[in-house]
Amino acid sequence: SLDMAKAAGIKDDAVVLDPGFGFVQRREQESELMARCGELHSLGFPLL
């Protein structure tokens, strides 16, 4: 998705990312996502 944004000319400082709680593959992944959410900071964007 970030590649699509960059190709369209969207600047990095216009972007935040939402990990999509409630939209994962399996319910047991929700708690794991809460536990590991900080790993998404590696992308360098704020999280919603």
All heavy atoms as atom14 arrays in JSON, in Angstrom:
{
  "sequence": "SLDMAKAAGIKDDAVVLDPGFGFVQRREQESELMARCGELHSLGFPLL",
  "atom14_mask": [
    [1, 1, 1, 1, 1, 1, 0, 0, 0, 0, 0, 0, 0, 0],
    [1, 1, 1, 1, 1, 1, 1, 1, 0, 0, 0, 0, 0, 0],
    [1, 1, 1, 1, 1, 1, 1, 1, 0, 0, 0, 0, 0, 0],
    [1, 1, 1, 1, 1, 1, 1, 1, 0, 0, 0, 0, 0, 0],
    [1, 1, 1, 1, 1, 0, 0, 0, 0, 0, 0, 0, 0, 0],
    [1, 1, 1, 1, 1, 1, 1, 1, 1, 0, 0, 0, 0, 0],
    [1, 1, 1, 1, 1, 0, 0, 0, 0, 0, 0, 0, 0, 0],
    [1, 1, 1, 1, 1, 0, 0, 0, 0, 0, 0, 0, 0, 0],
    [1, 1, 1, 1, 0, 0, 0, 0, 0, 0, 0, 0, 0, 0],
    [1, 1, 1, 1, 1, 1, 1, 1, 0, 0, 0, 0, 0, 0],
    [1, 1, 1, 1, 1, 1, 1, 1, 1, 0, 0, 0, 0, 0],
    [1, 1, 1, 1, 1, 1, 1, 1, 0, 0, 0, 0, 0, 0],
    [1, 1, 1, 1, 1, 1, 1, 1, 0, 0, 0, 0, 0, 0],
    [1, 1, 1, 1, 1, 0, 0, 0, 0, 0, 0, 0, 0, 0],
    [1, 1, 1, 1, 1, 1, 1, 0, 0, 0, 0, 0, 0, 0],
    [1, 1, 1, 1, 1, 1, 1, 0, 0, 0, 0, 0, 0, 0],
    [1, 1, 1, 1, 1, 1, 1, 1, 0, 0, 0, 0, 0, 0],
    [1, 1, 1, 1, 1, 1, 1, 1, 0, 0, 0, 0, 0, 0],
    [1, 1, 1, 1, 1, 1, 1, 0, 0, 0, 0, 0, 0, 0],
    [1, 1, 1, 1, 0, 0, 0, 0, 0, 0, 0, 0, 0, 0],
    [1, 1, 1, 1, 1, 1, 1, 1, 1, 1, 1, 0, 0, 0],
    [1, 1, 1, 1, 0, 0, 0, 0, 0, 0, 0, 0, 0, 0],
    [1, 1, 1, 1, 1, 1, 1, 1, 1, 1, 1, 0, 0, 0],
    [1, 1, 1, 1, 1, 1, 1, 0, 0, 0, 0, 0, 0, 0],
    [1, 1, 1, 1, 1, 1, 1, 1, 1, 0, 0, 0, 0, 0],
    [1, 1, 1, 1, 1, 1, 1, 1, 1, 1, 1, 0, 0, 0],
    [1, 1, 1, 1, 1, 1, 1, 1, 1, 1, 1, 0, 0, 0],
    [1, 1, 1, 1, 1, 1, 1, 1, 1, 0, 0, 0, 0, 0],
    [1, 1, 1, 1, 1, 1, 1, 1, 1, 0, 0, 0, 0, 0],
    [1, 1, 1, 1, 1, 1, 1, 1, 1, 0, 0, 0, 0, 0],
    [1, 1, 1, 1, 1, 1, 0, 0, 0, 0, 0, 0, 0, 0],
    [1, 1, 1, 1, 1, 1, 1, 1, 1, 0, 0, 0, 0, 0],
    [1, 1, 1, 1, 1, 1, 1, 1, 0, 0, 0, 0, 0, 0],
    [1, 1, 1, 1, 1, 1, 1, 1, 0, 0, 0, 0, 0, 0],
    [1, 1, 1, 1, 1, 0, 0, 0, 0, 0, 0, 0, 0, 0],
    [1, 1, 1, 1, 1, 1, 1, 1, 1, 1, 1, 0, 0, 0],
    [1, 1, 1, 1, 1, 1, 0, 0, 0, 0, 0, 0, 0, 0],
    [1, 1, 1, 1, 0, 0, 0, 0, 0, 0, 0, 0, 0, 0],
    [1, 1, 1, 1, 1, 1, 1, 1, 1, 0, 0, 0, 0, 0],
    [1, 1, 1, 1, 1, 1, 1, 1, 0, 0, 0, 0, 0, 0],
    [1, 1, 1, 1, 1, 1, 1, 1, 1, 1, 0, 0, 0, 0],
    [1, 1, 1, 1, 1, 1, 0, 0, 0, 0, 0, 0, 0, 0],
    [1, 1, 1, 1, 1, 1, 1, 1, 0, 0, 0, 0, 0, 0],
    [1, 1, 1, 1, 0, 0, 0, 0, 0, 0, 0, 0, 0, 0],
    [1, 1, 1, 1, 1, 1, 1, 1, 1, 1, 1, 0, 0, 0],
    [1, 1, 1, 1, 1, 1, 1, 0, 0, 0, 0, 0, 0, 0],
    [1, 1, 1, 1, 1, 1, 1, 1, 0, 0, 0, 0, 0, 0],
    [1, 1, 1, 1, 1, 1, 1, 1, 0, 0, 0, 0, 0, 0]
  ],
  "atom14_positions": [
    [[0.82, -1.21, 0.0], [0.0, 0.0, 0.0], [0.86, 1.26, 0.0], [0.52, 2.25, -0.66], [-0.94, 0.0, 1.21], [-1.95, -0.98, 1.06], [0.0, 0.0, 0.0], [0.0, 0.0, 0.0], [0.0, 0.0, 0.0], [0.0, 0.0, 0.0], [0.0, 0.0, 0.0], [0.0, 0.0, 0.0], [0.0, 0.0, 0.0], [0.0, 0.0, 0.0]],
    [[1.96, 1.24, 0.75], [2.84, 2.4, 0.77], [3.51, 2.62, -0.58], [3.74, 3.78, -0.98], [3.88, 2.23, 1.87], [3.33, 2.35, 3.3], [4.36, 1.86, 4.32], [2.91, 3.79, 3.61], [0.0, 0.0, 0.0], [0.0, 0.0, 0.0], [0.0, 0.0, 0.0], [0.0, 0.0, 0.0], [0.0, 0.0, 0.0], [0.0, 0.0, 0.0]],
    [[3.78, 1.54, -1.3], [4.3, 1.69, -2.67], [3.27, 2.38, -3.56], [3.61, 3.23, -4.39], [4.67, 0.32, -3.26], [5.96, -0.24, -2.69], [6.73, 0.53, -2.07], [6.2, -1.46, -2.87], [0.0, 0.0, 0.0], [0.0, 0.0, 0.0], [0.0, 0.0, 0.0], [0.0, 0.0, 0.0], [0.0, 0.0, 0.0], [0.0, 0.0, 0.0]],
    [[1.99, 2.02, -3.4], [0.92, 2.66, -4.16], [0.83, 4.14, -3.81], [0.65, 5.0, -4.69], [-0.42, 1.98, -3.87], [-0.5, 0.54, -4.34], [-1.98, -0.3, -3.73], [-3.25, 0.69, -4.49], [0.0, 0.0, 0.0], [0.0, 0.0, 0.0], [0.0, 0.0, 0.0], [0.0, 0.0, 0.0], [0.0, 0.0, 0.0], [0.0, 0.0, 0.0]],
    [[0.95, 4.45, -2.52], [0.88, 5.84, -2.09], [2.04, 6.64, -2.69], [1.84, 7.76, -3.21], [0.93, 5.91, -0.57], [0.0, 0.0, 0.0], [0.0, 0.0, 0.0], [0.0, 0.0, 0.0], [0.0, 0.0, 0.0], [0.0, 0.0, 0.0], [0.0, 0.0, 0.0], [0.0, 0.0, 0.0], [0.0, 0.0, 0.0], [0.0, 0.0, 0.0]],
    [[3.24, 6.09, -2.63], [4.4, 6.79, -3.17], [4.27, 7.01, -4.67], [4.58, 8.11, -5.17], [5.67, 5.99, -2.86], [6.96, 6.67, -3.29], [8.18, 5.87, -2.87], [9.46, 6.58, -3.28], [10.67, 5.82, -2.84], [0.0, 0.0, 0.0], [0.0, 0.0, 0.0], [0.0, 0.0, 0.0], [0.0, 0.0, 0.0], [0.0, 0.0, 0.0]],
    [[3.78, 6.0, -5.39], [3.62, 6.12, -6.84], [2.64, 7.22, -7.21], [2.77, 7.85, -8.26], [3.17, 4.78, -7.42], [0.0, 0.0, 0.0], [0.0, 0.0, 0.0], [0.0, 0.0, 0.0], [0.0, 0.0, 0.0], [0.0, 0.0, 0.0], [0.0, 0.0, 0.0], [0.0, 0.0, 0.0], [0.0, 0.0, 0.0], [0.0, 0.0, 0.0]],
    [[1.64, 7.45, -6.35], [0.64, 8.49, -6.61], [1.09, 9.87, -6.16], [0.4, 10.86, -6.41], [-0.67, 8.12, -5.91], [0.0, 0.0, 0.0], [0.0, 0.0, 0.0], [0.0, 0.0, 0.0], [0.0, 0.0, 0.0], [0.0, 0.0, 0.0], [0.0, 0.0, 0.0], [0.0, 0.0, 0.0], [0.0, 0.0, 0.0], [0.0, 0.0, 0.0]],
    [[2.22, 9.93, -5.47], [2.72, 11.22, -5.02], [2.3, 11.61, -3.62], [2.46, 12.78, -3.22], [0.0, 0.0, 0.0], [0.0, 0.0, 0.0], [0.0, 0.0, 0.0], [0.0, 0.0, 0.0], [0.0, 0.0, 0.0], [0.0, 0.0, 0.0], [0.0, 0.0, 0.0], [0.0, 0.0, 0.0], [0.0, 0.0, 0.0], [0.0, 0.0, 0.0]],
    [[1.76, 10.68, -2.85], [1.39, 10.97, -1.47], [2.67, 11.07, -0.65], [3.51, 10.17, -0.67], [0.47, 9.88, -0.89], [-0.84, 9.81, -1.68], [0.18, 10.13, 0.59], [-1.75, 8.65, -1.27], [0.0, 0.0, 0.0], [0.0, 0.0, 0.0], [0.0, 0.0, 0.0], [0.0, 0.0, 0.0], [0.0, 0.0, 0.0], [0.0, 0.0, 0.0]],
    [[2.81, 12.15, 0.1], [4.01, 12.35, 0.9], [3.93, 11.53, 2.19], [2.85, 11.29, 2.72], [4.2, 13.83, 1.22], [4.39, 14.7, -0.02], [4.66, 16.14, 0.34], [4.77, 17.01, -0.91], [5.77, 16.52, -1.87], [0.0, 0.0, 0.0], [0.0, 0.0, 0.0], [0.0, 0.0, 0.0], [0.0, 0.0, 0.0], [0.0, 0.0, 0.0]],
    [[5.08, 11.14, 2.7], [5.13, 10.31, 3.91], [4.43, 10.99, 5.08], [3.8, 10.31, 5.9], [6.58, 10.0, 4.29], [7.21, 8.94, 3.4], [6.5, 8.36, 2.56], [8.42, 8.7, 3.54], [0.0, 0.0, 0.0], [0.0, 0.0, 0.0], [0.0, 0.0, 0.0], [0.0, 0.0, 0.0], [0.0, 0.0, 0.0], [0.0, 0.0, 0.0]],
    [[4.53, 12.31, 5.19], [3.96, 12.98, 6.35], [2.44, 13.14, 6.26], [1.82, 13.73, 7.14], [4.63, 14.33, 6.62], [4.5, 15.32, 5.47], [3.81, 15.02, 4.48], [5.1, 16.42, 5.58], [0.0, 0.0, 0.0], [0.0, 0.0, 0.0], [0.0, 0.0, 0.0], [0.0, 0.0, 0.0], [0.0, 0.0, 0.0], [0.0, 0.0, 0.0]],
    [[1.83, 12.59, 5.2], [0.37, 12.55, 5.1], [-0.19, 11.21, 5.56], [-1.41, 11.04, 5.61], [-0.07, 12.81, 3.66], [0.0, 0.0, 0.0], [0.0, 0.0, 0.0], [0.0, 0.0, 0.0], [0.0, 0.0, 0.0], [0.0, 0.0, 0.0], [0.0, 0.0, 0.0], [0.0, 0.0, 0.0], [0.0, 0.0, 0.0], [0.0, 0.0, 0.0]],
    [[0.68, 10.26, 5.93], [0.27, 8.87, 6.13], [0.33, 8.46, 7.6], [1.31, 8.72, 8.29], [1.18, 7.93, 5.31], [0.82, 6.46, 5.58], [1.06, 8.24, 3.82], [0.0, 0.0, 0.0], [0.0, 0.0, 0.0], [0.0, 0.0, 0.0], [0.0, 0.0, 0.0], [0.0, 0.0, 0.0], [0.0, 0.0, 0.0], [0.0, 0.0, 0.0]],
    [[-0.72, 7.79, 8.06], [-0.68, 6.99, 9.28], [-1.19, 5.6, 8.93], [-1.9, 5.41, 7.94], [-1.51, 7.6, 10.44], [-1.06, 9.0, 10.78], [-2.99, 7.58, 10.12], [0.0, 0.0, 0.0], [0.0, 0.0, 0.0], [0.0, 0.0, 0.0], [0.0, 0.0, 0.0], [0.0, 0.0, 0.0], [0.0, 0.0, 0.0], [0.0, 0.0, 0.0]],
    [[-0.84, 4.62, 9.76], [-1.19, 3.23, 9.5], [-2.08, 2.68, 10.61], [-1.87, 2.99, 11.79], [0.07, 2.37, 9.41], [1.13, 2.79, 8.39], [2.32, 1.85, 8.46], [0.55, 2.84, 6.98], [0.0, 0.0, 0.0], [0.0, 0.0, 0.0], [0.0, 0.0, 0.0], [0.0, 0.0, 0.0], [0.0, 0.0, 0.0], [0.0, 0.0, 0.0]],
    [[-3.07, 1.89, 10.23], [-3.99, 1.25, 11.17], [-3.78, -0.26, 11.06], [-4.01, -0.84, 9.99], [-5.42, 1.62, 10.81], [-6.47, 1.01, 11.73], [-6.15, 0.04, 12.45], [-7.63, 1.47, 11.69], [0.0, 0.0, 0.0], [0.0, 0.0, 0.0], [0.0, 0.0, 0.0], [0.0, 0.0, 0.0], [0.0, 0.0, 0.0], [0.0, 0.0, 0.0]],
    [[-3.38, -0.95, 12.15], [-3.12, -2.39, 12.1], [-4.35, -3.24, 11.82], [-4.21, -4.45, 11.61], [-2.55, -2.7, 13.48], [-2.06, -1.4, 14.01], [-2.98, -0.37, 13.46], [0.0, 0.0, 0.0], [0.0, 0.0, 0.0], [0.0, 0.0, 0.0], [0.0, 0.0, 0.0], [0.0, 0.0, 0.0], [0.0, 0.0, 0.0], [0.0, 0.0, 0.0]],
    [[-5.54, -2.67, 11.84], [-6.73, -3.41, 11.42], [-7.26, -4.41, 12.43], [-7.65, -5.52, 12.06], [0.0, 0.0, 0.0], [0.0, 0.0, 0.0], [0.0, 0.0, 0.0], [0.0, 0.0, 0.0], [0.0, 0.0, 0.0], [0.0, 0.0, 0.0], [0.0, 0.0, 0.0], [0.0, 0.0, 0.0], [0.0, 0.0, 0.0], [0.0, 0.0, 0.0]],
    [[-7.3, -4.04, 13.7], [-7.92, -4.92, 14.69], [-9.36, -5.2, 14.26], [-10.1, -4.3, 13.88], [-7.9, -4.28, 16.07], [-6.54, -4.27, 16.71], [-5.74, -3.14, 16.64], [-6.06, -5.4, 17.36], [-4.48, -3.13, 17.24], [-4.81, -5.4, 17.95], [-4.01, -4.27, 17.89], [0.0, 0.0, 0.0], [0.0, 0.0, 0.0], [0.0, 0.0, 0.0]],
    [[-9.74, -6.48, 14.32], [-11.06, -6.87, 13.86], [-11.09, -7.29, 12.4], [-12.11, -7.8, 11.93], [0.0, 0.0, 0.0], [0.0, 0.0, 0.0], [0.0, 0.0, 0.0], [0.0, 0.0, 0.0], [0.0, 0.0, 0.0], [0.0, 0.0, 0.0], [0.0, 0.0, 0.0], [0.0, 0.0, 0.0], [0.0, 0.0, 0.0], [0.0, 0.0, 0.0]],
    [[-9.99, -7.1, 11.69], [-9.93, -7.43, 10.27], [-8.82, -8.42, 9.96], [-8.38, -8.54, 8.83], [-9.73, -6.15, 9.45], [-10.91, -5.23, 9.46], [-11.15, -4.39, 10.54], [-11.8, -5.21, 8.39], [-12.24, -3.54, 10.56], [-12.9, -4.36, 8.4], [-13.13, -3.53, 9.49], [0.0, 0.0, 0.0], [0.0, 0.0, 0.0], [0.0, 0.0, 0.0]],
    [[-8.35, -9.13, 10.99], [-7.29, -10.11, 10.8], [-7.88, -11.44, 10.33], [-9.1, -11.6, 10.22], [-6.47, -10.3, 12.09], [-5.82, -8.99, 12.5], [-7.34, -10.83, 13.22], [0.0, 0.0, 0.0], [0.0, 0.0, 0.0], [0.0, 0.0, 0.0], [0.0, 0.0, 0.0], [0.0, 0.0, 0.0], [0.0, 0.0, 0.0], [0.0, 0.0, 0.0]],
    [[-7.0, -12.43, 10.07], [-7.46, -13.71, 9.55], [-8.19, -14.54, 10.6], [-9.25, -15.11, 10.32], [-6.26, -14.52, 9.03], [-5.47, -13.87, 7.92], [-4.21, -14.65, 7.64], [-4.26, -15.85, 7.31], [-3.05, -14.01, 7.77], [0.0, 0.0, 0.0], [0.0, 0.0, 0.0], [0.0, 0.0, 0.0], [0.0, 0.0, 0.0], [0.0, 0.0, 0.0]],
    [[-7.62, -14.59, 11.81], [-8.15, -15.47, 12.86], [-8.23, -14.7, 14.17], [-7.35, -13.89, 14.48], [-7.24, -16.7, 13.04], [-7.09, -17.53, 11.77], [-6.2, -18.74, 12.02], [-4.88, -18.37, 12.57], [-3.87, -17.97, 11.83], [-3.99, -17.86, 10.52], [-2.7, -17.67, 12.38], [0.0, 0.0, 0.0], [0.0, 0.0, 0.0], [0.0, 0.0, 0.0]],
    [[-9.25, -15.0, 14.96], [-9.47, -14.24, 16.19], [-8.3, -14.33, 17.15], [-7.98, -13.36, 17.85], [-10.75, -14.72, 16.88], [-11.08, -13.91, 18.14], [-12.4, -14.31, 18.74], [-13.5, -13.95, 17.88], [-14.78, -14.17, 18.19], [-15.09, -14.77, 19.33], [-15.74, -13.8, 17.37], [0.0, 0.0, 0.0], [0.0, 0.0, 0.0], [0.0, 0.0, 0.0]],
    [[-7.63, -15.49, 17.19], [-6.51, -15.63, 18.13], [-5.35, -14.69, 17.77], [-4.46, -14.45, 18.59], [-6.02, -17.08, 18.18], [-5.52, -17.64, 16.86], [-6.61, -18.35, 16.06], [-7.8, -18.06, 16.27], [-6.24, -19.2, 15.22], [0.0, 0.0, 0.0], [0.0, 0.0, 0.0], [0.0, 0.0, 0.0], [0.0, 0.0, 0.0], [0.0, 0.0, 0.0]],
    [[-5.35, -14.13, 16.56], [-4.29, -13.21, 16.19], [-4.48, -11.82, 16.81], [-3.54, -11.03, 16.83], [-4.23, -13.07, 14.66], [-3.74, -14.32, 13.95], [-3.72, -14.14, 12.45], [-4.68, -13.63, 11.86], [-2.63, -14.53, 11.82], [0.0, 0.0, 0.0], [0.0, 0.0, 0.0], [0.0, 0.0, 0.0], [0.0, 0.0, 0.0], [0.0, 0.0, 0.0]],
    [[-5.68, -11.53, 17.3], [-5.94, -10.19, 17.84], [-5.05, -9.91, 19.06], [-4.42, -8.85, 19.15], [-7.41, -10.05, 18.24], [-8.41, -10.37, 17.14], [-8.59, -9.24, 16.13], [-7.8, -8.28, 16.14], [-9.54, -9.32, 15.33], [0.0, 0.0, 0.0], [0.0, 0.0, 0.0], [0.0, 0.0, 0.0], [0.0, 0.0, 0.0], [0.0, 0.0, 0.0]],
    [[-5.0, -10.85, 20.0], [-4.17, -10.64, 21.19], [-2.69, -10.6, 20.81], [-1.92, -9.81, 21.38], [-4.42, -11.75, 22.22], [-5.75, -11.68, 22.7], [0.0, 0.0, 0.0], [0.0, 0.0, 0.0], [0.0, 0.0, 0.0], [0.0, 0.0, 0.0], [0.0, 0.0, 0.0], [0.0, 0.0, 0.0], [0.0, 0.0, 0.0], [0.0, 0.0, 0.0]],
    [[-2.3, -11.45, 19.87], [-0.9, -11.43, 19.42], [-0.57, -10.08, 18.79], [0.51, -9.53, 19.02], [-0.64, -12.56, 18.42], [0.8, -12.59, 17.95], [1.09, -13.68, 16.93], [0.17, -14.47, 16.63], [2.22, -13.72, 16.44], [0.0, 0.0, 0.0], [0.0, 0.0, 0.0], [0.0, 0.0, 0.0], [0.0, 0.0, 0.0], [0.0, 0.0, 0.0]],
    [[-1.51, -9.55, 18.03], [-1.28, -8.25, 17.4], [-1.13, -7.15, 18.45], [-0.28, -6.27, 18.32], [-2.42, -7.92, 16.44], [-2.32, -6.6, 15.67], [-1.01, -6.51, 14.9], [-3.52, -6.46, 14.72], [0.0, 0.0, 0.0], [0.0, 0.0, 0.0], [0.0, 0.0, 0.0], [0.0, 0.0, 0.0], [0.0, 0.0, 0.0], [0.0, 0.0, 0.0]],
    [[-1.94, -7.22, 19.52], [-1.76, -6.25, 20.6], [-0.36, -6.39, 21.23], [0.31, -5.39, 21.5], [-2.84, -6.44, 21.67], [-4.16, -5.81, 21.3], [-5.26, -5.59, 22.71], [-5.69, -7.3, 23.06], [0.0, 0.0, 0.0], [0.0, 0.0, 0.0], [0.0, 0.0, 0.0], [0.0, 0.0, 0.0], [0.0, 0.0, 0.0], [0.0, 0.0, 0.0]],
    [[0.07, -7.61, 21.43], [1.37, -7.85, 22.06], [2.53, -7.41, 21.19], [3.58, -6.97, 21.69], [1.51, -9.33, 22.41], [0.0, 0.0, 0.0], [0.0, 0.0, 0.0], [0.0, 0.0, 0.0], [0.0, 0.0, 0.0], [0.0, 0.0, 0.0], [0.0, 0.0, 0.0], [0.0, 0.0, 0.0], [0.0, 0.0, 0.0], [0.0, 0.0, 0.0]],
    [[2.36, -7.49, 19.88], [3.46, -7.25, 18.95], [3.3, -5.97, 18.13], [4.09, -5.7, 17.22], [3.62, -8.44, 18.01], [3.89, -9.77, 18.7], [3.99, -10.91, 17.69], [5.08, -10.7, 16.76], [5.23, -11.41, 15.62], [4.34, -12.34, 15.3], [6.24, -11.17, 14.81], [0.0, 0.0, 0.0], [0.0, 0.0, 0.0], [0.0, 0.0, 0.0]],
    [[2.29, -5.18, 18.46], [1.98, -4.01, 17.66], [3.18, -3.07, 17.49], [3.37, -2.46, 16.44], [0.8, -3.26, 18.28], [0.01, -2.06, 17.19], [0.0, 0.0, 0.0], [0.0, 0.0, 0.0], [0.0, 0.0, 0.0], [0.0, 0.0, 0.0], [0.0, 0.0, 0.0], [0.0, 0.0, 0.0], [0.0, 0.0, 0.0], [0.0, 0.0, 0.0]],
    [[4.0, -2.99, 18.52], [5.16, -2.12, 18.46], [6.14, -2.47, 17.35], [6.91, -1.61, 16.9], [0.0, 0.0, 0.0], [0.0, 0.0, 0.0], [0.0, 0.0, 0.0], [0.0, 0.0, 0.0], [0.0, 0.0, 0.0], [0.0, 0.0, 0.0], [0.0, 0.0, 0.0], [0.0, 0.0, 0.0], [0.0, 0.0, 0.0], [0.0, 0.0, 0.0]],
    [[6.09, -3.71, 16.87], [6.98, -4.1, 15.78], [6.68, -3.34, 14.49], [7.54, -3.2, 13.61], [6.88, -5.61, 15.52], [7.38, -6.46, 16.68], [7.23, -7.95, 16.42], [7.48, -8.38, 15.27], [6.85, -8.69, 17.35], [0.0, 0.0, 0.0], [0.0, 0.0, 0.0], [0.0, 0.0, 0.0], [0.0, 0.0, 0.0], [0.0, 0.0, 0.0]],
    [[5.46, -2.81, 14.38], [5.08, -2.08, 13.17], [5.75, -0.71, 13.1], [5.73, -0.06, 12.05], [3.57, -1.93, 13.09], [2.78, -3.24, 12.98], [1.28, -2.97, 13.02], [3.16, -3.99, 11.7], [0.0, 0.0, 0.0], [0.0, 0.0, 0.0], [0.0, 0.0, 0.0], [0.0, 0.0, 0.0], [0.0, 0.0, 0.0], [0.0, 0.0, 0.0]],
    [[6.35, -0.26, 14.22], [7.07, 1.01, 14.18], [8.27, 0.94, 13.25], [8.81, 1.99, 12.84], [7.53, 1.41, 15.59], [6.41, 1.78, 16.5], [5.47, 2.74, 16.18], [6.06, 1.33, 17.73], [4.6, 2.86, 17.17], [4.94, 2.01, 18.12], [0.0, 0.0, 0.0], [0.0, 0.0, 0.0], [0.0, 0.0, 0.0], [0.0, 0.0, 0.0]],
    [[8.69, -0.26, 12.88], [9.81, -0.4, 11.95], [9.52, 0.25, 10.6], [10.44, 0.6, 9.86], [10.16, -1.87, 11.74], [9.08, -2.56, 11.11], [0.0, 0.0, 0.0], [0.0, 0.0, 0.0], [0.0, 0.0, 0.0], [0.0, 0.0, 0.0], [0.0, 0.0, 0.0], [0.0, 0.0, 0.0], [0.0, 0.0, 0.0], [0.0, 0.0, 0.0]],
    [[8.22, 0.44, 10.28], [7.84, 1.06, 9.02], [8.04, 2.58, 9.06], [8.08, 3.23, 8.01], [6.38, 0.74, 8.69], [6.11, -0.73, 8.35], [4.61, -1.0, 8.36], [6.71, -1.09, 6.99], [0.0, 0.0, 0.0], [0.0, 0.0, 0.0], [0.0, 0.0, 0.0], [0.0, 0.0, 0.0], [0.0, 0.0, 0.0], [0.0, 0.0, 0.0]],
    [[8.13, 3.15, 10.26], [8.41, 4.57, 10.39], [7.22, 5.49, 10.29], [7.38, 6.71, 10.08], [0.0, 0.0, 0.0], [0.0, 0.0, 0.0], [0.0, 0.0, 0.0], [0.0, 0.0, 0.0], [0.0, 0.0, 0.0], [0.0, 0.0, 0.0], [0.0, 0.0, 0.0], [0.0, 0.0, 0.0], [0.0, 0.0, 0.0], [0.0, 0.0, 0.0]],
    [[5.99, 4.97, 10.46], [4.79, 5.79, 10.37], [4.0, 5.72, 11.67], [4.02, 4.69, 12.36], [3.89, 5.31, 9.22], [4.49, 5.52, 7.86], [5.31, 4.56, 7.29], [4.25, 6.69, 7.15], [5.87, 4.75, 6.03], [4.81, 6.9, 5.9], [5.63, 5.93, 5.34], [0.0, 0.0, 0.0], [0.0, 0.0, 0.0], [0.0, 0.0, 0.0]],
    [[3.28, 6.8, 12.03], [2.44, 6.75, 13.22], [1.35, 5.7, 13.07], [0.92, 5.36, 11.96], [1.83, 8.16, 13.27], [2.72, 9.01, 12.43], [3.25, 8.11, 11.36], [0.0, 0.0, 0.0], [0.0, 0.0, 0.0], [0.0, 0.0, 0.0], [0.0, 0.0, 0.0], [0.0, 0.0, 0.0], [0.0, 0.0, 0.0], [0.0, 0.0, 0.0]],
    [[0.88, 5.19, 14.23], [-0.15, 4.16, 14.23], [-1.46, 4.69, 14.79], [-1.49, 5.4, 15.8], [0.31, 2.96, 15.07], [1.57, 2.24, 14.61], [1.85, 1.06, 15.54], [1.45, 1.77, 13.17], [0.0, 0.0, 0.0], [0.0, 0.0, 0.0], [0.0, 0.0, 0.0], [0.0, 0.0, 0.0], [0.0, 0.0, 0.0], [0.0, 0.0, 0.0]],
    [[-2.54, 4.33, 14.12], [-3.9, 4.62, 14.57], [-4.56, 3.3, 14.95], [-4.48, 2.32, 14.19], [-4.67, 5.31, 13.45], [-6.09, 5.79, 13.74], [-6.44, 6.99, 12.84], [-7.14, 4.7, 13.54], [0.0, 0.0, 0.0], [0.0, 0.0, 0.0], [0.0, 0.0, 0.0], [0.0, 0.0, 0.0], [0.0, 0.0, 0.0], [0.0, 0.0, 0.0]]
  ]
}
